[in-house]
Amino acid sequence: MSKSELKELEKYGRITLYAAQKERKELLKKLMEYTKARTVSEAVFQALSFYVEQAGTRSKQNLLARSRGIWAM
């Protein structure tokens, strides 16, 4: 993705989730079914929010650091 494309996405506040692998696509489908979310983004945010709430302070920092690579803005 070019810098101009990234700037355009930032302008609209969109987040792009890349799931090119078959296993990831299946996982996202299951996640959407489980959370009953209407969009993939909503399902991912619900799952991430759940794990952050369940984690302790140190674990929260690690979880947020590890999940940072999931998103491309």
N, C-alpha and C. Protein backbone atom coordinates (compact mmCIF):
# COMPACT_ATOMS: atom_id res chain seq x y z
N MET A 1 0.84 -1.16 0.00
CA MET A 1 0.00 0.00 0.00
C MET A 1 0.89 1.24 0.00
N SER A 2 0.57 2.18 -0.85
CA SER A 2 1.38 3.39 -0.95
C SER A 2 1.04 4.36 0.18
N LYS A 3 1.91 5.35 0.35
CA LYS A 3 1.67 6.35 1.40
C LYS A 3 0.39 7.13 1.13
N SER A 4 0.12 7.41 -0.14
CA SER A 4 -1.10 8.16 -0.46
C SER A 4 -2.35 7.34 -0.13
N GLU A 5 -2.28 6.02 -0.38
CA GLU A 5 -3.41 5.15 -0.03
C GLU A 5 -3.61 5.10 1.48
N LEU A 6 -2.52 5.05 2.22
CA LEU A 6 -2.61 5.03 3.68
C LEU A 6 -3.20 6.34 4.20
N LYS A 7 -2.79 7.46 3.62
CA LYS A 7 -3.34 8.76 4.01
C LYS A 7 -4.84 8.81 3.74
N GLU A 8 -5.26 8.25 2.61
CA GLU A 8 -6.68 8.23 2.26
C GLU A 8 -7.47 7.40 3.28
N LEU A 9 -6.93 6.26 3.69
CA LEU A 9 -7.58 5.43 4.69
C LEU A 9 -7.69 6.17 6.02
N GLU A 10 -6.62 6.86 6.41
CA GLU A 10 -6.64 7.61 7.67
C GLU A 10 -7.72 8.68 7.64
N LYS A 11 -7.92 9.29 6.49
CA LYS A 11 -8.91 10.35 6.36
C LYS A 11 -10.31 9.83 6.68
N TYR A 12 -10.58 8.60 6.27
CA TYR A 12 -11.91 8.03 6.50
C TYR A 12 -11.98 7.20 7.78
N GLY A 13 -10.87 7.07 8.48
CA GLY A 13 -10.86 6.32 9.73
C GLY A 13 -11.04 4.83 9.53
N ARG A 14 -10.63 4.33 8.40
CA ARG A 14 -10.79 2.90 8.12
C ARG A 14 -9.58 2.12 8.58
N ILE A 15 -9.83 0.88 8.90
CA ILE A 15 -8.76 -0.05 9.26
C ILE A 15 -8.85 -1.22 8.30
N THR A 16 -7.71 -1.64 7.77
CA THR A 16 -7.69 -2.75 6.84
C THR A 16 -7.08 -3.96 7.53
N LEU A 17 -7.77 -5.07 7.48
CA LEU A 17 -7.31 -6.31 8.09
C LEU A 17 -6.98 -7.27 6.96
N TYR A 18 -5.74 -7.74 6.90
CA TYR A 18 -5.32 -8.65 5.85
C TYR A 18 -5.44 -10.09 6.34
N ALA A 19 -6.20 -10.89 5.62
CA ALA A 19 -6.39 -12.30 5.98
C ALA A 19 -6.24 -13.15 4.73
N ALA A 20 -5.05 -13.16 4.17
CA ALA A 20 -4.81 -13.85 2.91
C ALA A 20 -4.75 -15.37 3.09
N GLN A 21 -4.40 -15.83 4.26
CA GLN A 21 -4.28 -17.27 4.48
C GLN A 21 -5.65 -17.88 4.76
N LYS A 22 -5.85 -19.09 4.23
CA LYS A 22 -7.14 -19.77 4.38
C LYS A 22 -7.51 -19.96 5.86
N GLU A 23 -6.53 -20.32 6.69
CA GLU A 23 -6.79 -20.54 8.11
C GLU A 23 -7.29 -19.26 8.78
N ARG A 24 -6.72 -18.14 8.40
CA ARG A 24 -7.14 -16.87 9.00
C ARG A 24 -8.54 -16.50 8.57
N LYS A 25 -8.87 -16.77 7.31
CA LYS A 25 -10.22 -16.48 6.83
C LYS A 25 -11.25 -17.31 7.59
N GLU A 26 -10.93 -18.59 7.80
CA GLU A 26 -11.84 -19.48 8.55
C GLU A 26 -11.97 -19.01 10.00
N LEU A 27 -10.86 -18.60 10.59
CA LEU A 27 -10.89 -18.10 11.97
C LEU A 27 -11.77 -16.85 12.07
N LEU A 28 -11.65 -15.95 11.10
CA LEU A 28 -12.47 -14.74 11.11
C LEU A 28 -13.95 -15.07 10.95
N LYS A 29 -14.27 -16.05 10.12
CA LYS A 29 -15.68 -16.46 9.96
C LYS A 29 -16.23 -16.99 11.28
N LYS A 30 -15.45 -17.84 11.96
CA LYS A 30 -15.87 -18.39 13.25
C LYS A 30 -16.02 -17.28 14.28
N LEU A 31 -15.10 -16.33 14.26
CA LEU A 31 -15.15 -15.22 15.20
C LEU A 31 -16.41 -14.38 14.98
N MET A 32 -16.76 -14.14 13.73
CA MET A 32 -17.97 -13.37 13.42
C MET A 32 -19.22 -14.11 13.88
N GLU A 33 -19.24 -15.43 13.68
CA GLU A 33 -20.39 -16.23 14.13
C GLU A 33 -20.50 -16.18 15.65
N TYR A 34 -19.38 -16.34 16.34
CA TYR A 34 -19.37 -16.37 17.80
C TYR A 34 -19.80 -15.04 18.40
N THR A 35 -19.28 -13.94 17.85
CA THR A 35 -19.59 -12.62 18.40
C THR A 35 -20.89 -12.05 17.87
N LYS A 36 -21.43 -12.66 16.81
CA LYS A 36 -22.64 -12.16 16.14
C LYS A 36 -22.44 -10.72 15.64
N ALA A 37 -21.21 -10.42 15.26
CA ALA A 37 -20.87 -9.09 14.73
C ALA A 37 -21.28 -9.00 13.27
N ARG A 38 -21.59 -7.78 12.85
CA ARG A 38 -21.98 -7.56 11.45
C ARG A 38 -20.78 -7.37 10.54
N THR A 39 -19.65 -6.97 11.11
CA THR A 39 -18.45 -6.76 10.31
C THR A 39 -17.26 -7.48 10.94
N VAL A 40 -16.26 -7.73 10.12
CA VAL A 40 -15.04 -8.37 10.62
C VAL A 40 -14.36 -7.48 11.65
N SER A 41 -14.30 -6.19 11.36
CA SER A 41 -13.66 -5.26 12.30
C SER A 41 -14.33 -5.29 13.67
N GLU A 42 -15.65 -5.29 13.66
CA GLU A 42 -16.39 -5.32 14.92
C GLU A 42 -16.08 -6.60 15.69
N ALA A 43 -16.03 -7.72 15.00
CA ALA A 43 -15.74 -9.00 15.64
C ALA A 43 -14.34 -9.01 16.24
N VAL A 44 -13.37 -8.51 15.50
CA VAL A 44 -11.99 -8.49 15.98
C VAL A 44 -11.86 -7.56 17.19
N PHE A 45 -12.48 -6.40 17.13
CA PHE A 45 -12.41 -5.48 18.27
C PHE A 45 -13.09 -6.07 19.50
N GLN A 46 -14.20 -6.78 19.32
CA GLN A 46 -14.87 -7.42 20.46
C GLN A 46 -13.96 -8.46 21.09
N ALA A 47 -13.33 -9.27 20.26
CA ALA A 47 -12.44 -10.31 20.78
C ALA A 47 -11.24 -9.70 21.49
N LEU A 48 -10.62 -8.72 20.87
CA LEU A 48 -9.46 -8.08 21.47
C LEU A 48 -9.83 -7.38 22.78
N SER A 49 -10.97 -6.72 22.80
CA SER A 49 -11.44 -6.06 24.02
C SER A 49 -11.67 -7.06 25.14
N PHE A 50 -12.24 -8.21 24.80
CA PHE A 50 -12.48 -9.25 25.79
C PHE A 50 -11.16 -9.71 26.42
N TYR A 51 -10.15 -9.98 25.58
CA TYR A 51 -8.88 -10.45 26.11
C TYR A 51 -8.16 -9.38 26.92
N VAL A 52 -8.28 -8.13 26.52
CA VAL A 52 -7.67 -7.05 27.29
C VAL A 52 -8.32 -6.94 28.66
N GLU A 53 -9.65 -7.06 28.72
CA GLU A 53 -10.37 -6.99 29.99
C GLU A 53 -9.98 -8.13 30.92
N GLN A 54 -9.73 -9.31 30.36
CA GLN A 54 -9.40 -10.48 31.16
C GLN A 54 -7.96 -10.49 31.64
N ALA A 55 -7.10 -9.78 30.96
CA ALA A 55 -5.67 -9.82 31.26
C ALA A 55 -5.32 -8.93 32.44
N GLY A 56 -4.24 -9.27 33.11
CA GLY A 56 -3.71 -8.42 34.17
C GLY A 56 -2.95 -7.25 33.54
N THR A 57 -2.44 -6.34 34.36
CA THR A 57 -1.78 -5.14 33.86
C THR A 57 -0.60 -5.47 32.96
N ARG A 58 0.29 -6.33 33.40
CA ARG A 58 1.46 -6.68 32.59
C ARG A 58 1.04 -7.41 31.33
N SER A 59 0.09 -8.30 31.46
CA SER A 59 -0.39 -9.05 30.30
C SER A 59 -1.07 -8.12 29.29
N LYS A 60 -1.76 -7.08 29.78
CA LYS A 60 -2.40 -6.12 28.87
C LYS A 60 -1.36 -5.44 28.00
N GLN A 61 -0.26 -5.03 28.61
CA GLN A 61 0.80 -4.36 27.85
C GLN A 61 1.34 -5.30 26.77
N ASN A 62 1.58 -6.55 27.12
CA ASN A 62 2.09 -7.53 26.16
C ASN A 62 1.07 -7.80 25.06
N LEU A 63 -0.19 -7.95 25.43
CA LEU A 63 -1.24 -8.23 24.45
C LEU A 63 -1.39 -7.08 23.47
N LEU A 64 -1.40 -5.87 23.96
CA LEU A 64 -1.53 -4.71 23.08
C LEU A 64 -0.32 -4.58 22.16
N ALA A 65 0.86 -4.86 22.69
CA ALA A 65 2.07 -4.78 21.87
C ALA A 65 2.05 -5.85 20.77
N ARG A 66 1.63 -7.06 21.12
CA ARG A 66 1.58 -8.14 20.12
C ARG A 66 0.49 -7.92 19.09
N SER A 67 -0.61 -7.33 19.48
CA SER A 67 -1.73 -7.16 18.54
C SER A 67 -1.54 -5.95 17.63
N ARG A 68 -0.59 -5.11 17.91
CA ARG A 68 -0.36 -3.92 17.10
C ARG A 68 -0.11 -4.29 15.64
N GLY A 69 0.57 -5.39 15.38
CA GLY A 69 0.88 -5.81 14.02
C GLY A 69 -0.31 -6.30 13.22
N ILE A 70 -1.45 -6.50 13.87
CA ILE A 70 -2.65 -6.97 13.18
C ILE A 70 -3.19 -5.90 12.25
N TRP A 71 -3.04 -4.65 12.64
CA TRP A 71 -3.73 -3.55 11.95
C TRP A 71 -2.81 -2.81 11.00
N ALA A 72 -3.36 -2.42 9.88
CA ALA A 72 -2.68 -1.52 8.93
C ALA A 72 -3.58 -0.31 8.75
N MET A 73 -3.05 0.85 9.03
CA MET A 73 -3.87 2.06 8.88
C MET A 73 -3.28 2.95 7.82
